[in-house]
Protein backbone atom coordinates (compact mmCIF):
# COMPACT_ATOMS: atom_id res chain seq x y z
CA MET A 1 -56.64 -155.62 208.63
CA SER A 2 -57.58 -156.30 205.15
CA ARG A 3 -59.42 -159.40 204.08
CA LEU A 4 -59.60 -159.14 200.20
CA HIS A 5 -56.28 -158.77 198.70
CA VAL A 6 -56.51 -157.60 195.05
CA VAL A 7 -53.14 -158.43 193.02
CA SER A 8 -52.44 -156.52 189.55
CA GLY A 9 -49.65 -155.61 187.70
CA LYS A 10 -48.33 -155.10 184.19
CA GLY A 11 -48.14 -158.15 182.18
CA GLY A 12 -44.86 -160.13 182.46
CA THR A 13 -44.45 -158.84 186.23
CA GLY A 14 -45.29 -162.36 187.60
CA LYS A 15 -48.71 -161.23 189.32
CA THR A 16 -50.28 -164.61 189.37
CA THR A 17 -47.24 -165.94 190.91
CA VAL A 18 -47.22 -163.20 193.71
CA ALA A 19 -50.97 -163.50 194.22
CA ALA A 20 -50.14 -167.36 194.70
CA ALA A 21 -47.58 -166.89 197.13
CA LEU A 22 -49.44 -164.09 198.95
CA ALA A 23 -52.20 -166.58 199.18
CA LEU A 24 -49.89 -169.11 201.19
CA ALA A 25 -48.24 -166.40 203.04
CA LEU A 26 -51.76 -165.36 204.61
CA ALA A 27 -52.78 -168.89 205.19
CA THR A 28 -50.63 -169.19 208.56
CA GLU A 29 -51.57 -170.60 212.04
CA GLY A 30 -54.73 -172.35 210.54
CA ARG A 31 -56.00 -169.52 208.68
CA ARG A 32 -57.91 -170.17 205.68
CA THR A 33 -57.30 -168.24 202.62
CA LEU A 34 -59.30 -168.24 199.08
CA LEU A 35 -57.28 -167.39 195.88
CA VAL A 36 -59.68 -166.37 192.97
CA GLU A 37 -58.75 -166.28 189.35
CA VAL A 38 -60.76 -164.05 187.21
CA GLU A 39 -59.27 -164.07 183.58
CA GLY A 40 -59.72 -167.73 182.75
CA ARG A 41 -56.13 -168.50 182.18
CA GLN A 42 -55.68 -171.30 184.73
CA GLY A 43 -52.37 -169.98 185.83
CA ILE A 44 -52.91 -170.70 189.49
CA ALA A 45 -53.54 -174.55 188.45
CA GLN A 46 -50.23 -174.28 186.75
CA LEU A 47 -48.45 -173.11 189.70
CA PHE A 48 -49.91 -175.72 192.10
CA GLU A 49 -49.39 -178.30 189.76
CA THR A 50 -52.86 -179.35 189.83
CA GLU A 51 -55.69 -180.03 187.15
CA ALA A 52 -57.63 -177.08 185.75
CA LEU A 53 -60.17 -175.47 188.30
CA PRO A 54 -63.65 -175.96 187.86
CA TYR A 55 -66.02 -173.39 188.94
CA GLU A 56 -65.91 -174.58 192.41
CA GLU A 57 -63.86 -173.83 195.78
CA ARG A 58 -61.38 -176.50 195.83
CA LYS A 59 -58.56 -176.91 198.41
CA ILE A 60 -55.35 -176.79 196.73
CA ALA A 61 -52.39 -176.47 199.10
CA VAL A 62 -51.54 -176.25 202.82
CA ALA A 63 -49.17 -173.56 203.83
CA PRO A 64 -46.37 -174.28 206.05
CA ALA A 65 -46.62 -173.18 209.89
CA SER A 66 -45.16 -169.70 210.62
CA ASP A 67 -42.30 -169.56 213.00
CA GLY A 68 -44.14 -168.61 215.81
CA ALA A 69 -46.46 -171.59 215.50
CA ALA A 70 -43.75 -173.93 215.18
CA LEU A 71 -42.37 -172.98 218.46
CA ARG A 72 -45.53 -172.72 220.33
CA ALA A 73 -46.21 -176.56 218.92
CA ALA A 74 -42.73 -177.37 220.11
CA ALA A 75 -43.07 -176.17 223.47
CA GLY A 76 -46.77 -177.88 223.92
CA ASN A 77 -48.41 -174.37 224.54
CA GLY A 78 -51.78 -174.97 225.73
CA SER A 79 -53.02 -171.33 226.13
CA GLY A 80 -56.50 -170.61 225.61
CA GLY A 81 -58.26 -168.49 222.95
CA GLU A 82 -60.17 -169.24 220.05
CA ALA A 83 -59.37 -172.74 218.14
CA PRO A 84 -57.93 -171.78 214.77
CA ARG A 85 -58.85 -173.74 211.77
CA GLY A 86 -57.52 -176.90 210.09
CA GLY A 87 -58.51 -179.36 212.90
CA GLY A 88 -57.46 -177.40 215.92
CA ARG A 89 -53.81 -177.32 215.22
CA ARG A 90 -51.84 -174.04 214.87
CA GLY A 91 -49.99 -175.19 211.67
CA GLY A 92 -50.50 -174.19 208.46
CA GLY A 93 -53.71 -173.11 206.98
CA GLU A 94 -55.62 -174.20 203.84
CA VAL A 95 -55.27 -172.19 200.57
CA HIS A 96 -58.63 -172.93 198.47
CA ALA A 97 -59.02 -171.76 194.87
CA LEU A 98 -61.42 -170.80 192.67
CA ALA A 99 -61.76 -170.01 188.96
CA ILE A 100 -64.72 -167.68 188.22
CA ASP A 101 -66.31 -168.02 185.14
CA ALA A 102 -68.61 -165.08 184.02
CA GLU A 103 -71.14 -167.17 182.52
CA ARG A 104 -71.57 -169.51 185.62
CA ALA A 105 -71.55 -166.50 187.68
CA LEU A 106 -74.50 -164.97 185.58
CA LEU A 107 -76.20 -168.19 186.10
CA ASP A 108 -75.94 -168.22 189.80
CA TYR A 109 -76.80 -164.50 189.97
CA LEU A 110 -80.48 -165.33 187.80
CA GLN A 111 -81.03 -168.33 190.16
CA MET A 112 -80.31 -165.92 193.18
CA PHE A 113 -82.40 -163.03 192.07
CA TYR A 114 -84.86 -164.36 189.61
CA LYS A 115 -85.18 -168.10 190.52
CA LEU A 116 -84.73 -168.63 186.84
CA GLY A 117 -83.29 -172.23 187.35
CA SER A 118 -83.66 -174.47 184.35
CA ALA A 119 -84.75 -171.45 182.31
CA GLY A 120 -81.23 -169.94 182.95
CA ARG A 121 -79.53 -172.98 181.66
CA ALA A 122 -81.89 -172.82 178.62
CA LEU A 123 -80.62 -169.20 178.11
CA LYS A 124 -77.04 -170.39 178.24
CA LYS A 125 -77.70 -172.95 175.46
CA LEU A 126 -79.20 -170.39 173.28
CA GLY A 127 -76.05 -168.25 173.71
CA ALA A 128 -78.00 -165.36 175.48
CA ILE A 129 -75.71 -165.48 178.41
CA ASP A 130 -72.68 -164.98 176.45
CA PHE A 131 -74.14 -162.33 174.34
CA ALA A 132 -75.50 -160.34 177.50
CA THR A 133 -71.68 -160.30 178.91
CA THR A 134 -70.21 -159.35 175.76
CA ILE A 135 -72.43 -156.46 175.05
CA ALA A 136 -72.29 -155.32 178.55
CA PRO A 137 -68.62 -155.83 180.04
CA GLY A 138 -69.60 -153.81 183.09
CA LEU A 139 -71.89 -156.63 183.77
CA ARG A 140 -69.06 -159.08 183.65
CA ASP A 141 -67.17 -157.27 186.12
CA VAL A 142 -69.89 -157.03 188.58
CA LEU A 143 -70.28 -160.77 188.29
CA LEU A 144 -66.68 -161.35 188.77
CA THR A 145 -65.99 -159.06 191.45
CA GLY A 146 -69.40 -159.86 193.04
CA LYS A 147 -68.33 -163.70 193.41
CA ALA A 148 -65.18 -162.72 195.17
CA CYS A 149 -66.74 -160.11 197.68
CA GLU A 150 -69.52 -162.63 198.42
CA ALA A 151 -66.53 -164.92 199.63
CA VAL A 152 -65.22 -162.22 201.81
CA ARG A 153 -68.46 -161.81 203.37
CA ARG A 154 -69.57 -165.49 203.63
CA LYS A 155 -70.10 -166.71 207.12
CA ASP A 156 -70.60 -170.26 208.66
CA LYS A 157 -73.43 -171.47 210.95
CA ASN A 158 -71.58 -170.26 213.69
CA GLY A 159 -71.30 -166.75 212.55
CA ARG A 160 -67.39 -167.00 211.69
CA PHE A 161 -66.20 -165.94 208.30
CA VAL A 162 -65.72 -169.00 206.03
CA TYR A 163 -62.29 -167.54 204.73
CA ASP A 164 -59.77 -165.28 206.77
CA ALA A 165 -58.49 -163.98 203.73
CA VAL A 166 -59.49 -163.80 199.83
CA VAL A 167 -56.55 -163.18 197.28
CA MET A 168 -57.92 -162.18 193.81
CA ASP A 169 -55.28 -162.58 190.78
CA ALA A 170 -56.87 -159.51 188.97
CA PRO A 171 -56.65 -158.14 185.37
CA PRO A 172 -53.35 -156.08 184.69
CA THR A 173 -52.73 -152.57 186.20
CA GLY A 174 -53.67 -150.86 182.79
CA ARG A 175 -57.45 -151.82 183.47
CA ILE A 176 -57.51 -152.80 187.19
CA THR A 177 -59.50 -149.47 188.40
CA ARG A 178 -62.11 -149.76 185.80
CA PHE A 179 -62.44 -153.52 186.51
CA LEU A 180 -62.81 -152.59 190.19
CA ASN A 181 -64.89 -149.77 189.88
CA VAL A 182 -67.73 -151.73 188.87
CA ASN A 183 -70.44 -148.97 190.05
CA ASP A 184 -69.40 -146.65 187.33
CA GLU A 185 -69.56 -149.43 184.68
CA VAL A 186 -73.23 -150.34 185.33
CA ALA A 187 -74.49 -146.96 185.93
CA GLY A 188 -75.57 -146.92 182.32
CA LEU A 189 -77.20 -150.26 182.52
CA ALA A 190 -79.28 -149.97 185.74
CA LYS A 191 -80.33 -147.26 188.02
CA ILE A 192 -82.45 -149.44 190.15
CA GLY A 193 -83.08 -152.89 190.71
CA PRO A 194 -81.01 -155.95 191.57
CA ILE A 195 -78.09 -155.33 189.14
CA HIS A 196 -77.74 -152.14 190.81
CA ASN A 197 -77.84 -153.39 194.13
CA GLN A 198 -75.47 -155.99 193.43
CA ALA A 199 -73.07 -153.28 192.12
CA GLN A 200 -73.71 -151.12 195.31
CA ALA A 201 -72.86 -154.28 197.38
CA VAL A 202 -69.77 -154.91 195.45
CA MET A 203 -68.46 -151.32 195.83
CA ARG A 204 -69.08 -151.33 199.89
CA VAL A 205 -66.79 -154.15 200.00
CA LEU A 206 -64.06 -152.83 197.49
CA LYS A 207 -64.12 -149.20 198.91
CA SER A 208 -63.82 -150.33 202.53
CA PRO A 209 -60.70 -150.96 204.85
CA GLU A 210 -61.34 -154.79 204.29
CA THR A 211 -59.96 -154.52 200.69
CA ALA A 212 -56.28 -153.55 199.61
CA VAL A 213 -55.05 -153.45 196.04
CA HIS A 214 -51.44 -154.57 195.70
CA LEU A 215 -49.33 -153.74 192.64
CA VAL A 216 -46.58 -155.96 191.38
CA THR A 217 -43.76 -154.63 189.28
CA LEU A 218 -40.27 -154.94 188.04
CA LEU A 219 -37.33 -152.49 188.41
CA GLU A 220 -37.72 -151.51 184.77
CA GLU A 221 -39.08 -148.15 183.32
CA MET A 222 -42.22 -149.14 181.99
CA PRO A 223 -43.69 -151.45 184.74
CA VAL A 224 -42.62 -148.83 187.57
CA GLN A 225 -44.40 -146.19 185.49
CA GLU A 226 -47.66 -148.15 185.20
CA THR A 227 -47.42 -148.96 188.61
CA ALA A 228 -47.40 -145.21 189.40
CA ASP A 229 -50.24 -144.48 187.10
CA GLY A 230 -52.33 -147.29 188.65
CA VAL A 231 -51.75 -146.18 192.27
CA ALA A 232 -52.86 -142.49 191.13
CA GLU A 233 -56.08 -144.00 189.26
CA LEU A 234 -56.82 -146.05 192.07
CA ARG A 235 -56.65 -143.36 194.84
CA ALA A 236 -58.59 -141.01 192.49
CA ALA A 237 -61.44 -143.80 192.33
CA GLY A 238 -61.47 -144.02 196.10
CA ILE A 239 -60.18 -147.83 196.23
CA PRO A 240 -57.71 -148.73 198.83
CA VAL A 241 -54.32 -149.29 197.63
CA GLY A 242 -52.19 -151.93 199.89
CA GLY A 243 -48.50 -152.25 198.85
CA ILE A 244 -46.03 -152.73 196.16
CA VAL A 245 -44.53 -155.80 195.40
CA ILE A 246 -41.12 -155.47 193.68
CA ASN A 247 -40.74 -158.98 192.02
CA MET A 248 -37.70 -160.83 190.28
CA THR A 249 -35.23 -158.64 192.08
CA ARG A 250 -31.52 -159.64 191.43
CA PRO A 251 -28.39 -158.89 193.76
CA ALA A 252 -25.90 -156.24 193.10
CA LEU A 253 -22.44 -158.67 192.48
CA LEU A 254 -20.38 -155.77 193.10
CA ASP A 255 -20.10 -153.43 195.96
CA ASN A 256 -20.31 -149.62 195.30
CA GLY A 257 -16.34 -149.05 194.86
CA ASP A 258 -16.37 -152.02 192.30
CA LEU A 259 -19.34 -150.58 190.56
CA ASP A 260 -17.73 -147.25 189.91
CA ILE A 261 -14.46 -149.00 188.62
CA ALA A 262 -16.70 -151.30 186.45
CA ALA A 263 -18.67 -148.13 185.02
CA ARG A 264 -15.17 -146.45 184.03
CA GLY A 265 -13.84 -149.60 182.49
CA ALA A 266 -10.50 -149.74 184.37
CA ARG A 267 -8.69 -152.15 182.28
CA ALA A 268 -5.55 -152.11 184.38
CA GLY A 269 -7.41 -153.13 187.44
CA VAL A 270 -8.98 -156.02 185.59
CA ALA A 271 -5.55 -157.07 184.20
CA LYS A 272 -3.92 -157.09 187.36
CA ALA A 273 -6.69 -159.12 189.15
CA LEU A 274 -6.34 -161.65 186.29
CA SER A 275 -2.80 -161.95 186.90
CA GLN A 276 -3.41 -162.38 190.60
CA ALA A 277 -5.85 -165.38 189.87
CA GLY A 278 -2.97 -167.18 188.18
CA LEU A 279 -4.32 -166.61 184.54
CA GLY A 280 -0.99 -164.96 183.47
CA GLY A 281 0.05 -161.69 182.85
CA ALA A 282 -1.80 -159.25 180.34
CA ARG A 283 0.75 -159.53 177.38
CA ARG A 284 -1.00 -159.08 174.13
CA GLY A 285 -2.68 -162.23 172.68
CA GLY A 286 -2.34 -164.18 176.15
CA LEU A 287 -5.32 -165.42 178.13
CA ALA A 288 -5.56 -162.61 180.41
CA ASP A 289 -5.62 -160.03 177.60
CA ARG A 290 -8.46 -162.03 175.73
CA LEU A 291 -10.46 -161.98 178.77
CA ILE A 292 -10.31 -158.42 179.71
CA ASP A 293 -12.70 -156.96 177.11
CA PRO A 294 -15.42 -159.39 177.64
CA LEU A 295 -15.47 -159.24 181.43
CA LEU A 296 -15.35 -155.41 181.09
CA GLU A 297 -18.28 -155.45 178.96
CA GLN A 298 -20.18 -157.38 181.46
CA ALA A 299 -19.11 -155.28 184.45
CA ARG A 300 -20.42 -152.19 182.46
CA GLU A 301 -23.65 -153.80 181.65
CA HIS A 302 -23.97 -154.86 185.41
CA ALA A 303 -23.20 -151.26 186.79
CA GLU A 304 -25.70 -149.70 184.24
CA ARG A 305 -28.39 -152.10 185.29
CA VAL A 306 -27.83 -151.45 188.80
CA GLU A 307 -27.86 -147.84 188.50
CA LEU A 308 -31.19 -148.06 186.90
CA GLU A 309 -32.68 -150.10 189.21
CA ARG A 310 -31.62 -147.78 191.94
CA ALA A 311 -33.28 -145.10 189.91
CA GLU A 312 -36.53 -147.11 189.35
CA TYR A 313 -36.45 -148.18 193.28
CA ALA A 314 -36.30 -144.16 194.11
CA GLU A 315 -39.63 -143.73 191.96
CA LEU A 316 -41.41 -146.44 193.72
CA THR A 317 -40.60 -145.37 197.13
CA ALA A 318 -41.65 -141.94 196.17
CA ILE A 319 -45.29 -143.15 195.81
CA GLY A 320 -45.51 -143.40 199.64
CA LEU A 321 -46.71 -147.09 199.93
CA PRO A 322 -45.21 -150.04 201.70
CA THR A 323 -42.79 -152.04 199.58
CA TYR A 324 -42.19 -155.82 199.49
CA GLU A 325 -39.22 -157.32 197.42
CA LEU A 326 -39.20 -160.76 195.92
CA GLU A 327 -35.87 -162.40 194.55
CA LEU A 328 -35.63 -163.73 191.24
CA LEU A 329 -35.51 -167.66 191.36
CA PRO A 330 -32.86 -168.66 188.58
CA GLU A 331 -34.40 -172.07 188.06
CA GLY A 332 -38.06 -170.63 187.76
CA VAL A 333 -41.12 -171.01 189.87
CA ASP A 334 -42.15 -174.43 190.79
CA LEU A 335 -44.10 -175.55 193.66
CA ALA A 336 -40.98 -175.27 196.20
CA GLY A 337 -40.13 -171.97 194.83
CA LEU A 338 -43.76 -170.59 195.41
CA TYR A 339 -43.44 -171.64 198.97
CA HIS A 340 -40.11 -170.08 199.29
CA LEU A 341 -41.62 -166.87 198.07
CA ALA A 342 -44.48 -167.11 200.41
CA ARG A 343 -41.78 -167.45 203.40
CA ASP A 344 -40.15 -164.44 202.08
CA LEU A 345 -43.65 -162.47 202.14
CA ARG A 346 -44.18 -163.30 205.69
CA LYS A 347 -40.58 -162.33 206.94
CA GLN A 348 -41.34 -158.77 205.42
CA GLY A 349 -44.34 -158.18 207.82
CA PRO A 350 -47.96 -158.04 207.27
CA ILE A 351 -49.36 -157.09 203.67
């Protein structure tokens, strides 16, 4: 089972929302999840309606108990086994969050490998750290991914993993492979030494079964094409791909027969239906007559959208990865909506 879940997607597909919902979904039965942000947008803080995340791991939510956990709690199940986290109860686990800052990560790196301490802070004041991460973007990616991979490997004094799962809200699909393939990025920077060793350690995690990259898409042509391209690039780089999350899906309001009628623009049928609804006959200039054309136009647009979405869905399933669907929330995604999406993900099986 994967322990590092990297969530990417074309801009506008809702990848940050999906990453947050996934973190909640994974934090069940007392499990502890770390949600990591690497782009500095503070999107996670906004979703969880909390203050801006500092460069430290902070508890931001408690996940609801799974259905199975709730049933066991109600039955007073006293079976043995390893006690879960969260005070020994089999309820919801904790979601912690971290906004990784490249400069702070580099300071940690300098202290860890070179024991620079205050000298590293002095370099920051001089602007040297910002300069280093700007001229060497590969180094920046090593620092960002390295921090997440360190959280994946970290253990407590009892030898247990501190986090049962780590979810990374990663860069968009167009640059996700380059971001994750840090070993290639730093090859020109260092052939040996701590930077090289750090990149190697990161790649051992990213290319292992512990990692799964999930791509978020919409049922639209450009996001679907970018998803297919992203999967191909990740596979070519040897980075494990998990599943495809189809976000903001909308229900088909008409069955297949009605969709066919809508696509043909059957005016007579609409007129008859309006008459049966008590809106009068379809006499010219009457209420029913004035409603027919706008209704037919909406129906045609709906039929065209459904046909397009079905075609895009077929493109996605042809990729051969597990797919998950999250519905469009008409009122937008607030904290309650986030928990709703997490429940939907859990119902669709392990991700």
